[in-house]
Every structure is written in structure tokens, then in C-alpha cells.
Protein backbone atom coordinates (compact mmCIF):
# COMPACT_ATOMS: atom_id res chain seq x y z
CA MET A 1 126.28 56.07 18.30
CA LYS A 2 128.56 58.60 20.01
CA ASN A 3 126.16 60.57 21.70
CA PHE A 4 124.68 57.50 23.38
CA ARG A 5 127.96 56.18 24.51
CA ALA A 6 128.71 59.29 26.29
CA LEU A 7 125.38 59.32 27.83
CA LEU A 8 125.41 55.67 28.75
CA GLY A 9 128.92 56.57 30.42
CA LEU A 10 127.67 59.71 32.51
CA MET A 11 124.90 57.37 33.60
CA LEU A 12 127.48 54.61 35.04
CA ILE A 13 129.16 57.52 36.66
CA ALA A 14 126.06 58.77 38.36
CA MET A 15 124.84 55.06 39.32
CA THR A 16 128.59 55.03 41.10
CA MET A 17 128.43 58.15 42.74
CA LEU A 18 124.60 57.44 43.98
CA CYS A 19 126.26 54.00 45.41
CA PHE A 20 129.37 55.61 47.00
CA SER A 21 126.68 58.07 48.48
CA GLY A 22 124.26 55.46 50.09
CA CYS A 23 127.53 53.54 51.93
CA GLY A 24 128.35 56.67 53.85
CA GLY A 25 129.46 59.24 51.73
CA GLY A 26 132.98 59.24 52.31
CA GLY A 27 132.59 58.78 56.12
CA SER A 28 131.80 55.51 57.73
CA ALA A 29 132.34 53.52 54.32
CA SER A 30 131.56 50.04 55.48
CA SER A 31 128.92 47.91 57.51
CA THR A 32 131.95 46.51 59.59
CA VAL A 33 131.65 47.88 63.53
CA PHE A 34 134.12 47.82 66.07
CA TYR A 35 133.41 46.60 69.65
CA LEU A 36 135.88 47.99 71.96
CA SER A 37 135.70 46.65 75.27
CA HIS A 38 137.56 48.28 78.54
CA GLN A 39 138.82 44.88 79.57
CA ASP A 40 137.41 41.29 78.56
CA GLY A 41 137.21 39.04 81.38
CA ASP A 42 134.88 41.31 83.62
CA GLY A 43 132.08 38.93 84.42
CA PHE A 44 129.12 41.04 83.46
CA THR A 45 130.14 43.11 80.58
CA ASP A 46 131.51 39.98 79.05
CA MET A 47 127.55 39.25 78.88
CA ILE A 48 126.87 41.99 76.98
CA ARG A 49 130.02 41.50 74.63
CA LYS A 50 128.81 37.99 73.88
CA SER A 51 124.79 38.85 73.39
CA PHE A 52 125.96 41.60 70.91
CA ALA A 53 127.89 38.88 69.26
CA ASN A 54 125.40 36.57 68.36
CA LYS A 55 122.92 39.53 67.69
CA ALA A 56 125.39 40.60 65.14
CA GLN A 57 126.23 37.32 63.57
CA SER A 58 122.39 36.65 62.93
CA ALA A 59 122.06 39.87 61.10
CA GLY A 60 125.00 38.89 59.09
CA ILE A 61 127.13 41.97 60.58
CA PRO A 62 130.70 41.92 60.79
CA VAL A 63 132.39 42.96 64.12
CA GLU A 64 135.92 43.85 64.93
CA PHE A 65 136.46 42.79 68.69
CA ARG A 66 139.23 44.69 70.77
CA ASP A 67 140.10 44.07 74.38
CA ALA A 68 141.97 47.19 76.44
CA LYS A 69 142.89 45.04 79.19
CA GLY A 70 142.10 47.93 81.36
CA ASP A 71 144.88 50.29 79.50
CA VAL A 72 143.98 53.75 78.66
CA SER A 73 146.63 53.86 76.33
CA LEU A 74 146.43 50.55 74.44
CA GLN A 75 142.45 51.80 74.12
CA ILE A 76 143.23 55.02 72.58
CA ASP A 77 145.72 53.36 70.12
CA GLN A 78 142.68 50.88 69.33
CA MET A 79 140.19 54.00 68.77
CA LYS A 80 142.72 55.48 66.33
CA GLU A 81 142.93 51.90 64.65
CA ALA A 82 139.18 51.72 64.12
CA ILE A 83 138.54 55.29 63.04
CA GLU A 84 141.38 54.79 60.31
CA ALA A 85 139.33 51.79 59.03
CA LYS A 86 135.90 54.21 58.66
CA PRO A 87 133.58 51.29 60.15
CA GLY A 88 129.83 51.89 60.35
CA ALA A 89 129.89 52.44 64.05
CA ILE A 90 132.14 51.94 66.96
CA VAL A 91 130.85 50.47 70.48
CA LEU A 92 132.64 51.71 73.25
CA LEU A 93 133.09 50.73 76.95
CA ALA A 94 135.75 53.30 77.75
CA VAL A 95 138.31 52.35 80.48
CA ASP A 96 138.12 56.06 81.41
CA ALA A 97 135.38 58.58 81.14
CA THR A 98 137.22 61.59 80.42
CA ALA A 99 140.79 60.23 78.77
CA LEU A 100 139.04 58.92 76.03
CA VAL A 101 136.98 62.14 74.99
CA PRO A 102 139.21 63.72 72.43
CA MET A 103 139.47 60.17 70.31
CA VAL A 104 135.47 60.23 70.34
CA GLU A 105 135.71 63.89 69.06
CA LYS A 106 137.63 62.39 66.22
CA ALA A 107 135.12 59.99 65.32
CA ASN A 108 132.36 62.67 65.65
CA GLU A 109 134.51 64.55 63.09
CA ALA A 110 134.78 61.86 60.78
CA GLY A 111 130.99 60.73 60.77
CA ILE A 112 131.57 57.66 62.66
CA PRO A 113 128.68 57.00 65.34
CA ILE A 114 129.69 56.07 68.90
CA ILE A 115 127.19 53.98 71.03
CA ILE A 116 128.23 53.02 74.43
CA THR A 117 126.81 50.99 77.44
CA ASN A 118 127.68 50.14 81.02
CA ARG A 119 130.24 53.10 81.20
CA GLY A 120 130.05 56.73 80.66
CA LEU A 121 131.55 59.11 78.88
CA ASN A 122 132.23 62.81 79.76
CA GLY A 123 132.39 64.53 76.44
CA GLY A 124 131.72 63.69 72.61
CA LYS A 125 128.61 62.93 71.15
CA PHE A 126 127.57 59.59 71.59
CA PHE A 127 124.21 57.28 71.84
CA SER A 128 123.86 55.40 74.92
CA CYS A 129 122.00 52.16 76.40
CA MET A 130 122.82 52.42 79.82
CA THR A 131 121.50 51.48 83.19
CA ASP A 132 120.28 53.84 86.26
CA GLU A 133 122.92 53.24 88.17
CA LYS A 134 121.42 55.04 91.27
CA GLN A 135 118.38 52.54 91.20
CA ALA A 136 120.37 49.89 91.69
CA GLY A 137 122.28 50.85 94.99
CA ARG A 138 118.73 51.92 96.03
CA MET A 139 117.48 48.44 95.48
CA GLN A 140 120.07 47.29 97.64
CA GLY A 141 119.52 49.92 100.56
CA GLU A 142 115.86 49.28 100.56
CA TYR A 143 116.32 45.44 101.21
CA MET A 144 118.86 45.88 103.85
CA ALA A 145 116.58 48.74 105.41
CA LYS A 146 113.86 46.26 105.65
CA ASN A 147 115.91 43.12 106.45
CA LEU A 148 118.68 44.30 108.81
CA PRO A 149 118.26 43.72 112.65
CA PRO A 150 117.99 46.76 115.09
CA ASN A 151 121.36 48.42 115.82
CA ALA A 152 122.84 46.21 112.71
CA LYS A 153 126.67 46.88 111.72
CA VAL A 154 127.42 46.99 107.95
CA VAL A 155 130.48 47.25 105.41
CA TYR A 156 130.54 48.45 101.85
CA LEU A 157 132.81 47.35 98.81
CA GLU A 158 132.76 50.32 96.53
CA GLY A 159 133.59 49.48 92.57
CA GLU A 160 136.27 51.27 90.72
CA THR A 161 137.34 54.80 92.45
CA GLY A 162 135.35 57.81 90.75
CA PHE A 163 133.77 55.28 88.31
CA ASP A 164 130.00 56.83 87.70
CA ALA A 165 128.29 53.14 88.55
CA SER A 166 130.38 52.83 91.61
CA VAL A 167 129.50 56.29 92.65
CA LYS A 168 125.69 56.66 92.21
CA ARG A 169 125.25 53.06 93.52
CA TRP A 170 126.99 54.42 96.48
CA GLU A 171 124.44 57.29 96.55
CA GLY A 172 121.20 54.93 95.77
CA PHE A 173 122.31 52.75 99.01
CA LYS A 174 123.02 55.50 101.61
CA GLU A 175 120.14 57.38 100.66
CA ALA A 176 117.83 54.27 100.71
CA CYS A 177 119.19 52.27 103.93
CA LEU A 178 121.63 54.81 105.96
CA ASP A 179 119.35 57.78 105.51
CA LYS A 180 116.60 55.86 106.88
CA ARG A 181 117.74 53.93 108.98
CA PRO A 182 120.09 55.76 111.68
CA ASP A 183 120.37 53.11 113.96
CA VAL A 184 122.59 51.17 110.92
CA GLN A 185 126.53 51.84 111.29
CA LEU A 186 128.39 51.48 108.49
CA LEU A 187 132.00 50.17 110.21
CA ALA A 188 133.86 50.93 106.92
CA SER A 189 134.13 51.18 102.78
CA LYS A 190 136.37 50.35 100.52
CA SER A 191 137.12 50.18 96.70
CA ALA A 192 137.70 46.72 95.41
CA ASN A 193 137.67 47.78 92.00
CA TRP A 194 135.15 45.18 90.98
CA ARG A 195 137.11 42.22 92.24
CA THR A 196 136.59 39.19 93.38
CA ALA A 197 139.81 38.46 94.91
CA ASP A 198 140.42 42.35 96.40
CA ALA A 199 137.17 41.84 98.24
CA LEU A 200 137.86 38.71 99.40
CA LYS A 201 141.14 40.35 101.23
CA ASP A 202 139.04 43.47 102.44
CA VAL A 203 136.44 41.37 104.18
CA ALA A 204 138.96 38.85 105.73
CA LEU A 205 140.66 41.90 107.15
CA TRP A 206 137.64 43.35 108.41
CA LEU A 207 136.07 40.28 109.86
CA LYS A 208 139.25 40.36 112.15
CA LEU A 209 138.86 44.37 113.02
CA PHE A 210 135.38 44.08 113.64
CA PRO A 211 133.39 41.42 116.14
CA GLN A 212 130.16 42.07 114.58
CA ILE A 213 129.20 42.65 110.91
CA ASP A 214 125.57 41.74 110.07
CA GLY A 215 125.80 43.00 106.50
CA VAL A 216 127.90 43.04 103.35
CA VAL A 217 126.95 45.29 100.30
CA ALA A 218 129.09 45.05 97.29
CA ALA A 219 128.77 47.36 94.31
CA ASN A 220 128.96 44.28 91.98
CA ASP A 221 128.45 40.12 92.29
CA GLY A 222 132.06 39.59 91.79
CA MET A 223 133.05 41.54 94.99
CA ALA A 224 129.80 39.86 96.82
CA VAL A 225 131.27 36.61 95.72
CA GLY A 226 134.49 37.43 97.34
CA ALA A 227 132.86 38.79 100.98
CA VAL A 228 130.73 35.21 100.69
CA GLN A 229 133.77 33.48 100.41
CA ALA A 230 135.46 35.47 103.20
CA LEU A 231 132.87 35.05 105.30
CA LYS A 232 132.38 31.26 104.91
CA ASP A 233 136.28 30.93 105.88
CA ALA A 234 135.68 33.03 108.77
CA GLY A 235 132.84 30.78 110.05
CA ARG A 236 130.54 33.96 110.05
CA LEU A 237 128.48 33.58 107.11
CA ASN A 238 125.50 32.41 108.67
CA GLY A 239 123.25 35.58 109.83
CA CYS A 240 125.02 38.19 107.52
CA LEU A 241 122.93 39.73 104.98
CA VAL A 242 125.30 40.38 101.43
CA SER A 243 124.03 42.04 98.46
CA GLY A 244 125.57 42.37 95.07
CA VAL A 245 124.71 43.80 91.69
CA ASP A 246 124.37 42.28 88.13
CA ALA A 247 122.92 38.62 88.69
CA VAL A 248 125.75 36.85 87.21
CA ASP A 249 125.80 32.91 87.62
CA ASP A 250 127.97 32.53 90.59
CA ALA A 251 125.77 35.16 92.79
CA LEU A 252 122.41 33.15 91.56
CA LYS A 253 123.82 29.97 92.49
CA LEU A 254 124.52 31.69 96.15
CA ILE A 255 121.39 33.04 96.35
CA ALA A 256 119.79 30.06 95.86
CA SER A 257 121.87 27.85 98.23
CA GLY A 258 120.92 30.61 100.60
CA GLU A 259 124.53 31.88 101.18
CA MET A 260 123.80 35.01 99.67
CA SER A 261 121.00 37.50 100.35
CA GLN A 262 120.13 39.80 97.22
CA THR A 263 121.62 40.73 93.90
CA VAL A 264 119.84 43.61 91.52
CA LYS A 265 119.73 42.01 87.80
CA GLN A 266 121.40 44.09 85.45
CA ASP A 267 120.06 42.85 82.20
CA ALA A 268 123.04 42.23 79.94
CA ASP A 269 120.77 40.82 77.16
CA ALA A 270 118.63 43.72 77.28
CA LEU A 271 121.81 46.25 76.90
CA ALA A 272 123.21 44.05 74.50
CA GLU A 273 119.70 44.54 72.66
CA GLY A 274 119.64 48.16 73.00
CA VAL A 275 123.11 48.22 71.87
CA PHE A 276 122.51 46.63 68.99
CA LYS A 277 119.49 48.38 68.03
CA LEU A 278 121.25 51.49 67.99
CA THR A 279 124.18 50.18 65.93
CA ASP A 280 121.84 48.52 63.23
CA ALA A 281 120.13 52.08 62.99
CA CYS A 282 123.15 53.85 62.39
CA LEU A 283 124.21 51.26 59.78
CA LYS A 284 121.06 51.69 58.00
CA GLY A 285 121.43 55.60 58.02
CA THR A 286 118.95 56.04 60.64
CA THR A 287 119.99 58.34 63.31
CA PRO A 288 118.39 57.19 66.75
CA THR A 289 116.00 59.83 68.35
CA GLU A 290 116.63 58.62 71.74
CA ASN A 291 118.98 56.98 74.08
CA ILE A 292 117.96 53.54 75.66
CA THR A 293 117.96 53.23 79.55
CA VAL A 294 117.03 49.61 80.91
CA ASP A 295 115.81 48.96 84.80
CA PHE A 296 116.91 46.93 87.07
CA THR A 297 115.27 44.04 88.82
CA PRO A 298 116.03 43.09 92.74
CA ILE A 299 116.16 39.11 92.78
CA THR A 300 116.05 37.37 96.44
CA LYS A 301 115.76 33.65 97.40
CA GLU A 302 111.78 34.40 97.02
CA ASN A 303 112.10 35.02 93.03
CA ILE A 304 115.31 33.24 92.29
CA ALA A 305 113.54 30.44 90.00
CA GLN A 306 112.46 32.88 87.73
CA PHE A 307 115.59 33.88 86.92
CA ARG A 308 117.72 30.61 86.87
CA LYS A 309 118.34 28.93 83.77
């Protein structure tokens, strides 16, 4: 009888150890996910977060959301909090691609998977669901090269200075338009930091400086919307082509009304789906074998009906 009880005790201990091993082996000990956003209130990344939240809720996966408010130091603190909590995974939209690398490496050491989207990282190990940012700029450039009149003059609204998407979208536009159409003159370019208010102010100034502006190319829709408002306020929207990126609702409405010429759809739902797929695989202990890339889609008045809800 004593031998039986001893054997039973050993079996219970073994089963307990197996259970802990199956839940992460002392590393990521829970199915909770930390979702660390660079800054809430960004129309497009808000769409990604909302879509991811819905997918996680449907799957019964608990998510802790944190907003860094554009503050690198705050996001580093939030990363520390997440690592200490030992979640099943961390979804990270980094405020700064370099400054967050040491924290990503700490998560790597702790065995916590990192999944990134929309905003890149310059180091550490991570899985990603991203778009080809240069493709977006190239689609804008192709549209402008085709539709601008001879000897056109344009201005360009950059995204956040030094940010990978901002740089690559500009490169794509330059290669597809300015390099192909030497008659098109770039009057000015400036970072409006993805913000509608900054873009409105910048374009309003350019309208005072330049008597001819045939096109405004913006690295996102928020800035394009600001450009449209500035052009309307100055009575110079008619005949000026305005292009943006993201296909947010405000931009789609302006395209439908003929006040904005083009946007390039960055598919928030597809990005959220990819992030969820990578996250879910990590939670189940399956290492993803490859990263996910989501294509852009150009939208103009000709095909806007397909994208209006």
C-alpha cells in the first residue's frame, strides 16, 4: 500500500511538471498577449488594433493594451512591464526602431515571442506582418506620372523624419514619377509627421509661396486630408491632384466626392489577420516559419465603390 501511494505521488508530480512544460517551460507562462502601440489616435494603426482586438476576443485570448503616446521612455517602461508579466507574446509597434532593440533582446532572452507590424525594428529577433512601403509610393508615383499635365509642379508631404515607411514611400514616388517625368518639378517637401493639422499648415504656406501647384502627394491620408482642406480654403482645389496612403474613411469620402484623387489602401484588416496568425501560432507553441507581407491596392474614383462600406 505504501509503495502504491509513493508511486501515485510520483505520477502526480510528473503530470504537474508536464503541465508547466506545456505552458511555456518557465518562460512565457500565460496565454495573455501584450499589445504595445506607439501612439493611439493614429487613424490607421487604430484600425489594426481594433481588428486585432476583435479577433483575439473571438478566440478567447486575453490582451493587455498599452499606449506609449509617442514617448520612447514610456514604451520602454511598458516593455519592462510586459516582460515581467511573462505573456505568451508581445505585439509591438515601436515608437523608435533603434531605441526599443535592447528591450526586444531582453524579451528574446526571456523566451517571449515578439510580433511587429506597421513599424519596423533595427535589431533583436521578431516575427513580422508588414507591407512593402516602397510599393505604396510607387503606386502614387505611377498615378501622378500618368495624370499630371505637362510641366506640372508638385509638393510632397513626408511622414515622420527617418521613419522607414516615410523614407521608402518617398523613394517609391520619386522613382515612379520624378525620375520618369523630368518635366514635373518638385517645388517643396517637408515632414508633416503624419498629422492632418501639420499638413494643413504646410500646404497653406506653400499656396502663398507658389502660384502654381498641380499636385500634392502625401505619405499618408491624414496629411492628404489636411492638404485638401488647405486647397479648399484657398479656392485652389479644382484641378489639383491629391494623393495619400491608407484608405481611411475620410479619404475614401473625399475620393467619392471628387475632392481627392487617389489613396493607396494599406489593408488594416489583413495586417491584423497576419499579426493574429503569428501570435496564435506562438501561443500554441508553433514557431512561424516565415514572415507575412501584405500588398497595397490603389484606389481612385474609378474603383472607389468597391471600398466604400
